[in-house]
Amino acid sequence: MSHSKGQLLALVEANPFITQQALGEALGLSRSAVAGHLAQLVREGRILGRAYVLPSRQPIVCIGGTNLDRKLRAQESLRMGSSNPAQQVETAGGVGRNIAESLARLGLPVHFLTAIGRDAAGQSLLGQLQSLGVDCAGCLQAADAPTGSYTAVLDAQGDLVLAMADMALTDRLDPDFIRRCAPQRAAARWVVADLNLPAATLDLLRQEAMERDQSLVVVAVSAPKMRRLGASLEGIELLVLNRAELAALMGHALEDAASLDTAWQALRARGLRRLVMSDGAQGLRFSAGDTMQALPAPRMARGRRLEVTGAGDALSAGLVAGLHRNAEDLPAACRLGLSLAALTLQTDATVSPDLTPALLG
C-alpha cells in the first residue's frame, strides 16, 4: 500500500464519515486523487464504499430464538416417574440470542433479529441484550403470544437428561419478516441463523447469501428440527451441529470416523461449504478436504465443570468470531470456539460472564 493511501485509510478509520474534501486537505491531495485511492480501497475490500464502513465493524447479524431458560438440576440420582429434589436457575436463553450475547461480550458489532412477546420476560431479555450493545431494531414483538421458554432437566452431574422448548413464536420469523428487515441486514458480511427458523426463511437466507456475497452460518438446535434444512445446502458457508443432529440429518447412525467422512462428503455434494460437528467431551470435528479432522476439547480441572447448557452456543459464537477475524482459518476458529465452550461449562449461566474482547487476542 502506498504511503498516501495508507494515511488516507488511517484517517477513514478515525472518522468513517470524513468527506473527500477534508481528506484532500489533510493529505495535500486533489479530489480526484482522493477518489482514486478510495475506489482502490473499496476494490481491495479495505473499506465498504458508502460511509467508508470498515470490514471489521460490519455487524454480524444473528437471527433466531429468544427464550427464558429454566434449568432444574437434580440433587441426587434421578428416579423416573417420581418427584425429584432439584435446584432451579432461570437465565436468558435461545440459541440465536445466546450467540448474539456471546459475540457482543467479545466486543463485536452485533444486530439481533428475533421474536418475543410483549410481556415482562420478553422486555427484560431484549433490554439485557441492548445493555450489552446489541442492536435489536426490527425485532418482532407479539401482543398475542408469550415469549418462548426452554426447560432443561439436568442430572446431578450437570448433564442434560431432557429438555422441553416452547419456541412457536419463532415461526413468525417468516420470509415476509426477513424481507421487512432488509435494511437491518444490508451491511452484514456474516449472517448467523439458528434452526428454530422456518424452512422457507432458511431457504430465503440461503438465496440472499449467494446473491449478496454474504457468509451464512446455520446452527442446529435439535435433532427433530434438522428437517428444516432442505435438499440444497448451497449458500451455507458453515453448518454447526452435534453428532445426534448430524445423524438425524443423514438418516442413520454415525458410529466411526469413516461414517463421518462419508456424511461430510454427501453434504458437500449438496452445496455445503464447511462443517463443524461438536462431539461432547471429545471436542469437535471439522471439515478439511475430504475428511473430518478431530480437535480435542481443552483440559479442565476435575470439579470445574458445572453443567452443559449453553456450551454449544458458546462454541458457535467462537466459530463465528474466529471466522469474522480470518474467514479462511477454520481450525483457529474451532480452537477459539472450544475455549469459549470450556468457559461456559464452568458457570451456571447460559452465557459465561467471563467472555471479553481480550479472548480474541
Protein backbone atom coordinates (compact mmCIF):
# COMPACT_ATOMS: atom_id res chain seq x y z
CA MET A 1 0.00 0.00 0.00
CA SER A 2 1.33 3.45 -0.93
CA HIS A 3 2.18 5.92 1.82
CA SER A 4 -0.60 8.37 0.87
CA LYS A 5 -3.17 5.59 0.59
CA GLY A 6 -2.11 4.26 3.99
CA GLN A 7 -2.51 7.73 5.51
CA LEU A 8 -5.94 8.06 3.90
CA LEU A 9 -7.05 4.72 5.35
CA ALA A 10 -5.88 5.81 8.81
CA LEU A 11 -8.00 8.96 8.54
CA VAL A 12 -11.03 6.94 7.47
CA GLU A 13 -10.53 4.55 10.40
CA ALA A 14 -10.52 7.54 12.75
CA ASN A 15 -13.61 9.10 11.13
CA PRO A 16 -15.65 6.91 8.76
CA PHE A 17 -17.80 9.93 7.83
CA ILE A 18 -14.95 12.19 6.74
CA THR A 19 -15.55 13.92 3.40
CA GLN A 20 -13.34 13.65 0.33
CA GLN A 21 -12.63 17.38 0.59
CA ALA A 22 -11.43 17.00 4.19
CA LEU A 23 -9.27 14.05 3.19
CA GLY A 24 -7.73 16.02 0.37
CA GLU A 25 -6.97 18.99 2.60
CA ALA A 26 -5.45 16.79 5.31
CA LEU A 27 -3.18 14.94 2.87
CA GLY A 28 -2.49 17.67 0.33
CA LEU A 29 -4.17 15.67 -2.45
CA SER A 30 -6.61 16.64 -5.16
CA ARG A 31 -10.23 15.45 -5.00
CA SER A 32 -9.60 13.19 -7.98
CA ALA A 33 -6.58 11.59 -6.28
CA VAL A 34 -8.61 11.00 -3.11
CA ALA A 35 -11.44 9.48 -5.15
CA GLY A 36 -8.96 7.19 -6.89
CA HIS A 37 -7.48 5.99 -3.61
CA LEU A 38 -10.96 5.38 -2.13
CA ALA A 39 -12.05 3.41 -5.19
CA GLN A 40 -8.96 1.23 -4.91
CA LEU A 41 -9.55 0.65 -1.18
CA VAL A 42 -13.12 -0.43 -1.98
CA ARG A 43 -11.87 -2.88 -4.63
CA GLU A 44 -9.37 -4.30 -2.12
CA GLY A 45 -12.14 -4.78 0.46
CA ARG A 46 -10.44 -2.47 2.98
CA ILE A 47 -13.48 -0.18 3.08
CA LEU A 48 -17.03 -0.86 2.01
CA GLY A 49 -17.95 2.14 -0.07
CA ARG A 50 -20.58 4.47 1.23
CA ALA A 51 -19.80 5.96 4.67
CA TYR A 52 -16.46 4.11 4.39
CA VAL A 53 -17.65 1.23 6.57
CA LEU A 54 -14.66 -0.82 7.69
CA PRO A 55 -14.99 -4.61 7.29
CA SER A 56 -14.05 -5.24 10.92
CA ARG A 57 -17.05 -3.15 12.04
CA GLN A 58 -19.63 -4.75 9.77
CA PRO A 59 -22.36 -6.04 12.06
CA ILE A 60 -22.77 -9.75 12.49
CA VAL A 61 -26.50 -10.34 12.07
CA CYS A 62 -27.93 -13.13 14.23
CA ILE A 63 -31.46 -14.37 13.53
CA GLY A 64 -33.20 -16.89 15.75
CA GLY A 65 -34.81 -17.80 19.01
CA THR A 66 -35.07 -15.96 22.30
CA ASN A 67 -36.48 -17.58 25.39
CA LEU A 68 -36.34 -17.80 29.14
CA ASP A 69 -34.23 -20.78 30.23
CA ARG A 70 -35.29 -22.73 33.29
CA LYS A 71 -32.71 -25.28 34.41
CA LEU A 72 -33.59 -27.89 37.02
CA ARG A 73 -30.58 -29.79 38.34
CA ALA A 74 -31.20 -32.97 40.33
CA GLN A 75 -29.64 -33.09 43.76
CA GLU A 76 -29.30 -36.87 43.64
CA SER A 77 -29.78 -39.74 41.18
CA LEU A 78 -32.93 -39.23 39.13
CA ARG A 79 -35.90 -41.52 39.64
CA MET A 80 -38.11 -41.56 36.55
CA GLY A 81 -41.84 -41.41 37.17
CA SER A 82 -41.34 -39.77 40.57
CA SER A 83 -40.79 -36.34 42.08
CA ASN A 84 -37.08 -35.48 42.43
CA PRO A 85 -35.48 -32.79 44.61
CA ALA A 86 -33.77 -30.19 42.41
CA GLN A 87 -32.27 -26.72 42.26
CA GLN A 88 -33.71 -24.24 39.75
CA VAL A 89 -31.90 -21.48 37.88
CA GLU A 90 -33.52 -19.05 35.43
CA THR A 91 -31.42 -17.33 32.78
CA ALA A 92 -31.80 -15.72 29.38
CA GLY A 93 -31.67 -18.27 26.57
CA GLY A 94 -32.34 -19.18 22.96
CA VAL A 95 -29.66 -20.32 20.54
CA GLY A 96 -29.68 -17.18 18.39
CA ARG A 97 -29.88 -14.94 21.45
CA ASN A 98 -27.05 -16.76 23.24
CA ILE A 99 -24.77 -16.43 20.21
CA ALA A 100 -25.62 -12.73 19.87
CA GLU A 101 -24.83 -12.09 23.54
CA SER A 102 -21.57 -14.02 23.36
CA LEU A 103 -20.41 -12.09 20.30
CA ALA A 104 -21.32 -8.79 21.96
CA ARG A 105 -19.37 -9.73 25.11
CA LEU A 106 -16.39 -10.38 22.83
CA GLY A 107 -16.65 -6.78 21.65
CA LEU A 108 -18.00 -7.49 18.16
CA PRO A 109 -20.75 -5.45 16.47
CA VAL A 110 -23.99 -7.45 16.56
CA HIS A 111 -27.51 -6.94 15.22
CA PHE A 112 -30.08 -9.43 16.51
CA LEU A 113 -33.44 -10.23 14.94
CA THR A 114 -35.87 -12.34 16.94
CA ALA A 115 -39.48 -12.68 18.09
CA ILE A 116 -40.59 -12.04 21.67
CA GLY A 117 -43.86 -11.44 23.46
CA ARG A 118 -44.86 -8.08 24.82
CA ASP A 119 -44.54 -9.50 28.30
CA ALA A 120 -42.16 -8.88 31.18
CA ALA A 121 -39.87 -11.73 30.17
CA GLY A 122 -39.55 -10.53 26.58
CA GLN A 123 -38.87 -6.93 27.50
CA SER A 124 -36.29 -7.99 30.09
CA LEU A 125 -34.49 -10.27 27.62
CA LEU A 126 -34.39 -7.56 24.96
CA GLY A 127 -33.23 -4.92 27.43
CA GLN A 128 -30.39 -7.11 28.63
CA LEU A 129 -29.04 -7.50 25.09
CA GLN A 130 -29.36 -3.79 24.41
CA SER A 131 -27.40 -3.02 27.59
CA LEU A 132 -24.54 -5.06 26.09
CA GLY A 133 -24.60 -3.00 22.90
CA VAL A 134 -26.61 -5.39 20.72
CA ASP A 135 -28.74 -3.59 18.13
CA CYS A 136 -32.25 -5.08 18.34
CA ALA A 137 -34.03 -2.75 15.91
CA GLY A 138 -36.56 -4.61 13.82
CA CYS A 139 -37.37 -7.38 16.31
CA LEU A 140 -40.91 -8.75 16.23
CA GLN A 141 -42.87 -8.10 19.43
CA ALA A 142 -46.14 -10.03 19.63
CA ALA A 143 -49.03 -8.90 21.81
CA ASP A 144 -50.91 -12.19 21.44
CA ALA A 145 -48.24 -14.74 22.41
CA PRO A 146 -45.79 -15.23 25.29
CA THR A 147 -42.03 -15.13 24.97
CA GLY A 148 -40.57 -18.58 24.32
CA SER A 149 -39.36 -20.83 27.10
CA TYR A 150 -36.89 -23.70 27.46
CA THR A 151 -36.89 -26.04 30.45
CA ALA A 152 -33.91 -28.35 30.92
CA VAL A 153 -33.72 -31.25 33.36
CA LEU A 154 -30.12 -31.98 34.36
CA ASP A 155 -28.80 -34.91 36.32
CA ALA A 156 -26.66 -34.47 39.43
CA GLN A 157 -23.53 -34.22 37.26
CA GLY A 158 -24.99 -31.38 35.17
CA ASP A 159 -25.64 -33.44 32.03
CA LEU A 160 -28.83 -32.90 30.07
CA VAL A 161 -31.47 -35.61 30.60
CA LEU A 162 -34.50 -33.98 28.98
CA ALA A 163 -35.42 -30.57 27.61
CA MET A 164 -38.79 -29.06 26.65
CA ALA A 165 -38.97 -25.97 24.43
CA ASP A 166 -41.89 -23.72 23.51
CA MET A 167 -40.47 -21.86 20.51
CA ALA A 168 -43.67 -21.43 18.49
CA LEU A 169 -43.23 -17.66 18.36
CA THR A 170 -40.07 -18.09 16.28
CA ASP A 171 -42.22 -19.48 13.45
CA ARG A 172 -43.35 -15.89 12.88
CA LEU A 173 -39.86 -15.05 11.63
CA ASP A 174 -41.11 -15.95 8.17
CA PRO A 175 -39.87 -14.75 4.74
CA ASP A 176 -42.09 -11.65 4.93
CA PHE A 177 -40.42 -10.68 8.22
CA ILE A 178 -36.98 -11.27 6.71
CA ARG A 179 -37.81 -9.04 3.73
CA ARG A 180 -39.07 -6.27 6.04
CA CYS A 181 -35.74 -6.43 7.90
CA ALA A 182 -33.65 -5.98 4.75
CA PRO A 183 -32.27 -2.59 5.94
CA GLN A 184 -31.02 -4.14 9.20
CA ARG A 185 -29.20 -6.89 7.29
CA ALA A 186 -27.83 -4.89 4.36
CA ALA A 187 -24.36 -4.16 5.79
CA ALA A 188 -23.71 -7.64 7.19
CA ARG A 189 -20.87 -9.81 5.94
CA TRP A 190 -21.76 -12.68 8.30
CA VAL A 191 -25.33 -13.84 9.00
CA VAL A 192 -26.00 -16.44 11.70
CA ALA A 193 -29.32 -18.31 11.61
CA ASP A 194 -30.49 -20.95 14.05
CA LEU A 195 -32.71 -23.84 13.02
CA ASN A 196 -35.65 -22.56 15.06
CA LEU A 197 -36.38 -20.56 11.90
CA PRO A 198 -38.99 -21.86 9.43
CA ALA A 199 -37.70 -23.81 6.42
CA ALA A 200 -38.90 -21.12 4.00
CA THR A 201 -36.94 -18.47 5.92
CA LEU A 202 -33.77 -20.55 5.78
CA ASP A 203 -34.21 -21.01 2.03
CA LEU A 204 -34.58 -17.26 1.56
CA LEU A 205 -31.45 -16.58 3.63
CA ARG A 206 -29.52 -19.09 1.51
CA GLN A 207 -30.59 -17.38 -1.69
CA GLU A 208 -29.72 -13.95 -0.32
CA ALA A 209 -26.30 -15.15 0.82
CA MET A 210 -25.48 -16.20 -2.72
CA GLU A 211 -26.86 -13.03 -4.29
CA ARG A 212 -25.22 -10.63 -1.81
CA ASP A 213 -21.93 -12.46 -1.28
CA GLN A 214 -22.72 -12.89 2.43
CA SER A 215 -21.45 -15.74 4.59
CA LEU A 216 -24.34 -17.68 6.14
CA VAL A 217 -23.75 -19.78 9.25
CA VAL A 218 -26.54 -22.18 10.18
CA VAL A 219 -26.61 -23.51 13.74
CA ALA A 220 -28.65 -26.59 14.65
CA VAL A 221 -30.89 -26.53 17.73
CA SER A 222 -32.18 -30.12 17.98
CA ALA A 223 -32.35 -33.38 16.05
CA PRO A 224 -36.07 -33.05 15.18
CA LYS A 225 -35.54 -29.62 13.59
CA MET A 226 -32.84 -30.85 11.21
CA ARG A 227 -35.67 -31.49 8.74
CA ARG A 228 -35.93 -27.73 8.30
CA LEU A 229 -32.84 -27.88 6.11
CA GLY A 230 -33.83 -28.50 2.51
CA ALA A 231 -32.16 -30.78 -0.01
CA SER A 232 -29.92 -27.98 -1.29
CA LEU A 233 -27.34 -26.50 1.06
CA GLU A 234 -25.92 -24.05 -1.45
CA GLY A 235 -25.33 -20.65 0.09
CA ILE A 236 -24.47 -22.07 3.54
CA GLU A 237 -20.88 -21.24 4.43
CA LEU A 238 -20.85 -23.24 7.66
CA LEU A 239 -23.20 -25.71 9.34
CA VAL A 240 -22.69 -26.26 13.08
CA LEU A 241 -24.28 -29.25 14.81
CA ASN A 242 -23.64 -32.16 17.14
CA ARG A 243 -23.33 -35.87 16.39
CA ALA A 244 -27.01 -36.64 17.07
CA GLU A 245 -28.13 -33.78 14.84
CA LEU A 246 -25.81 -34.88 12.04
CA ALA A 247 -27.17 -38.42 12.32
CA ALA A 248 -30.72 -37.06 12.09
CA LEU A 249 -29.78 -35.06 9.00
CA MET A 250 -28.24 -38.11 7.33
CA GLY A 251 -30.97 -40.50 8.46
CA HIS A 252 -28.68 -43.07 10.08
CA ALA A 253 -26.24 -43.54 12.96
CA LEU A 254 -22.67 -42.26 12.64
CA GLU A 255 -20.50 -44.52 14.75
CA ASP A 256 -16.98 -44.16 13.36
CA ALA A 257 -14.67 -41.73 11.58
CA ALA A 258 -15.33 -43.24 8.17
CA SER A 259 -19.07 -42.66 8.51
CA LEU A 260 -18.43 -39.02 9.47
CA ASP A 261 -16.22 -38.55 6.41
CA THR A 262 -18.93 -40.05 4.19
CA ALA A 263 -21.57 -37.77 5.75
CA TRP A 264 -19.42 -34.71 5.11
CA GLN A 265 -18.82 -35.68 1.50
CA ALA A 266 -22.58 -36.13 0.99
CA LEU A 267 -23.33 -32.71 2.48
CA ARG A 268 -20.61 -31.07 0.40
CA ALA A 269 -22.21 -32.60 -2.71
CA ARG A 270 -25.43 -30.84 -1.68
CA GLY A 271 -23.63 -27.47 -1.69
CA LEU A 272 -22.39 -27.05 1.89
CA ARG A 273 -19.00 -25.31 2.08
CA ARG A 274 -17.84 -26.20 5.62
CA LEU A 275 -19.00 -28.34 8.55
CA VAL A 276 -18.26 -28.41 12.28
CA MET A 277 -19.61 -31.20 14.48
CA SER A 278 -19.33 -30.86 18.26
CA ASP A 279 -18.66 -34.17 19.98
CA GLY A 280 -19.13 -33.54 23.70
CA ALA A 281 -16.13 -34.31 25.88
CA GLN A 282 -14.24 -35.50 22.78
CA GLY A 283 -14.08 -31.94 21.40
CA LEU A 284 -15.17 -31.46 17.81
CA ARG A 285 -14.58 -32.45 14.20
CA PHE A 286 -14.29 -30.01 11.32
CA SER A 287 -14.25 -30.46 7.57
CA ALA A 288 -10.84 -30.41 5.90
CA GLY A 289 -10.62 -31.62 2.33
CA ASP A 290 -12.48 -34.93 2.05
CA THR A 291 -12.33 -35.77 5.76
CA MET A 292 -13.47 -34.60 9.17
CA GLN A 293 -10.49 -33.72 11.35
CA ALA A 294 -10.64 -34.14 15.13
CA LEU A 295 -9.78 -31.38 17.60
CA PRO A 296 -9.78 -32.33 21.31
CA ALA A 297 -11.53 -30.29 23.97
CA PRO A 298 -9.33 -28.24 26.33
CA ARG A 299 -8.37 -30.00 29.53
CA MET A 300 -10.44 -28.98 32.53
CA ALA A 301 -9.61 -29.49 36.18
CA ARG A 302 -11.81 -32.01 37.96
CA GLY A 303 -14.73 -30.30 39.68
CA ARG A 304 -14.64 -27.18 37.48
CA ARG A 305 -17.33 -28.41 35.09
CA LEU A 306 -20.76 -27.37 36.34
CA GLU A 307 -23.28 -28.06 33.54
CA VAL A 308 -23.62 -28.18 29.78
CA THR A 309 -26.37 -25.68 28.94
CA GLY A 310 -25.10 -23.01 26.55
CA ALA A 311 -21.75 -24.65 25.79
CA GLY A 312 -22.76 -25.44 22.21
CA ASP A 313 -23.88 -21.86 21.64
CA ALA A 314 -20.56 -20.59 23.00
CA LEU A 315 -18.79 -22.91 20.56
CA SER A 316 -20.85 -21.46 17.69
CA ALA A 317 -20.10 -17.90 18.80
CA GLY A 318 -16.38 -18.67 18.90
CA LEU A 319 -16.52 -20.13 15.39
CA VAL A 320 -18.25 -17.01 14.06
CA ALA A 321 -15.88 -14.67 15.91
CA GLY A 322 -12.86 -16.53 14.59
CA LEU A 323 -14.10 -16.55 11.01
CA HIS A 324 -15.08 -12.88 11.26
CA ARG A 325 -11.41 -12.23 12.03
CA ASN A 326 -10.00 -14.64 9.43
CA ALA A 327 -12.55 -16.30 7.16
CA GLU A 328 -10.05 -18.86 5.83
CA ASP A 329 -8.75 -20.23 9.14
CA LEU A 330 -11.40 -22.70 10.30
CA PRO A 331 -9.02 -24.63 12.63
CA ALA A 332 -8.22 -21.42 14.56
CA ALA A 333 -11.93 -20.60 14.78
CA CYS A 334 -12.55 -24.11 16.13
CA ARG A 335 -9.92 -23.67 18.82
CA LEU A 336 -11.49 -20.37 19.86
CA GLY A 337 -14.93 -21.98 19.94
CA LEU A 338 -13.72 -24.81 22.16
CA SER A 339 -12.12 -22.36 24.59
CA LEU A 340 -15.38 -20.37 24.89
CA ALA A 341 -17.35 -23.58 25.40
CA ALA A 342 -14.97 -24.60 28.18
CA LEU A 343 -15.57 -21.30 29.96
CA THR A 344 -19.32 -21.79 29.69
CA LEU A 345 -19.12 -25.30 31.15
CA GLN A 346 -17.68 -23.74 34.32
CA THR A 347 -20.67 -21.49 35.06
CA ASP A 348 -24.38 -21.86 35.81
CA ALA A 349 -25.04 -19.01 33.38
CA THR A 350 -26.10 -19.92 29.84
CA VAL A 351 -23.60 -17.34 28.57
CA SER A 352 -20.40 -17.01 30.58
CA PRO A 353 -19.83 -13.53 32.03
CA ASP A 354 -16.10 -14.20 31.55
CA LEU A 355 -16.35 -13.68 27.78
CA THR A 356 -14.43 -10.46 27.00
CA PRO A 357 -12.68 -8.87 24.00
CA ALA A 358 -9.35 -9.96 25.48
CA LEU A 359 -10.15 -13.55 24.43
CA LEU A 360 -9.81 -12.51 20.80
CA GLY A 361 -6.19 -11.50 21.34
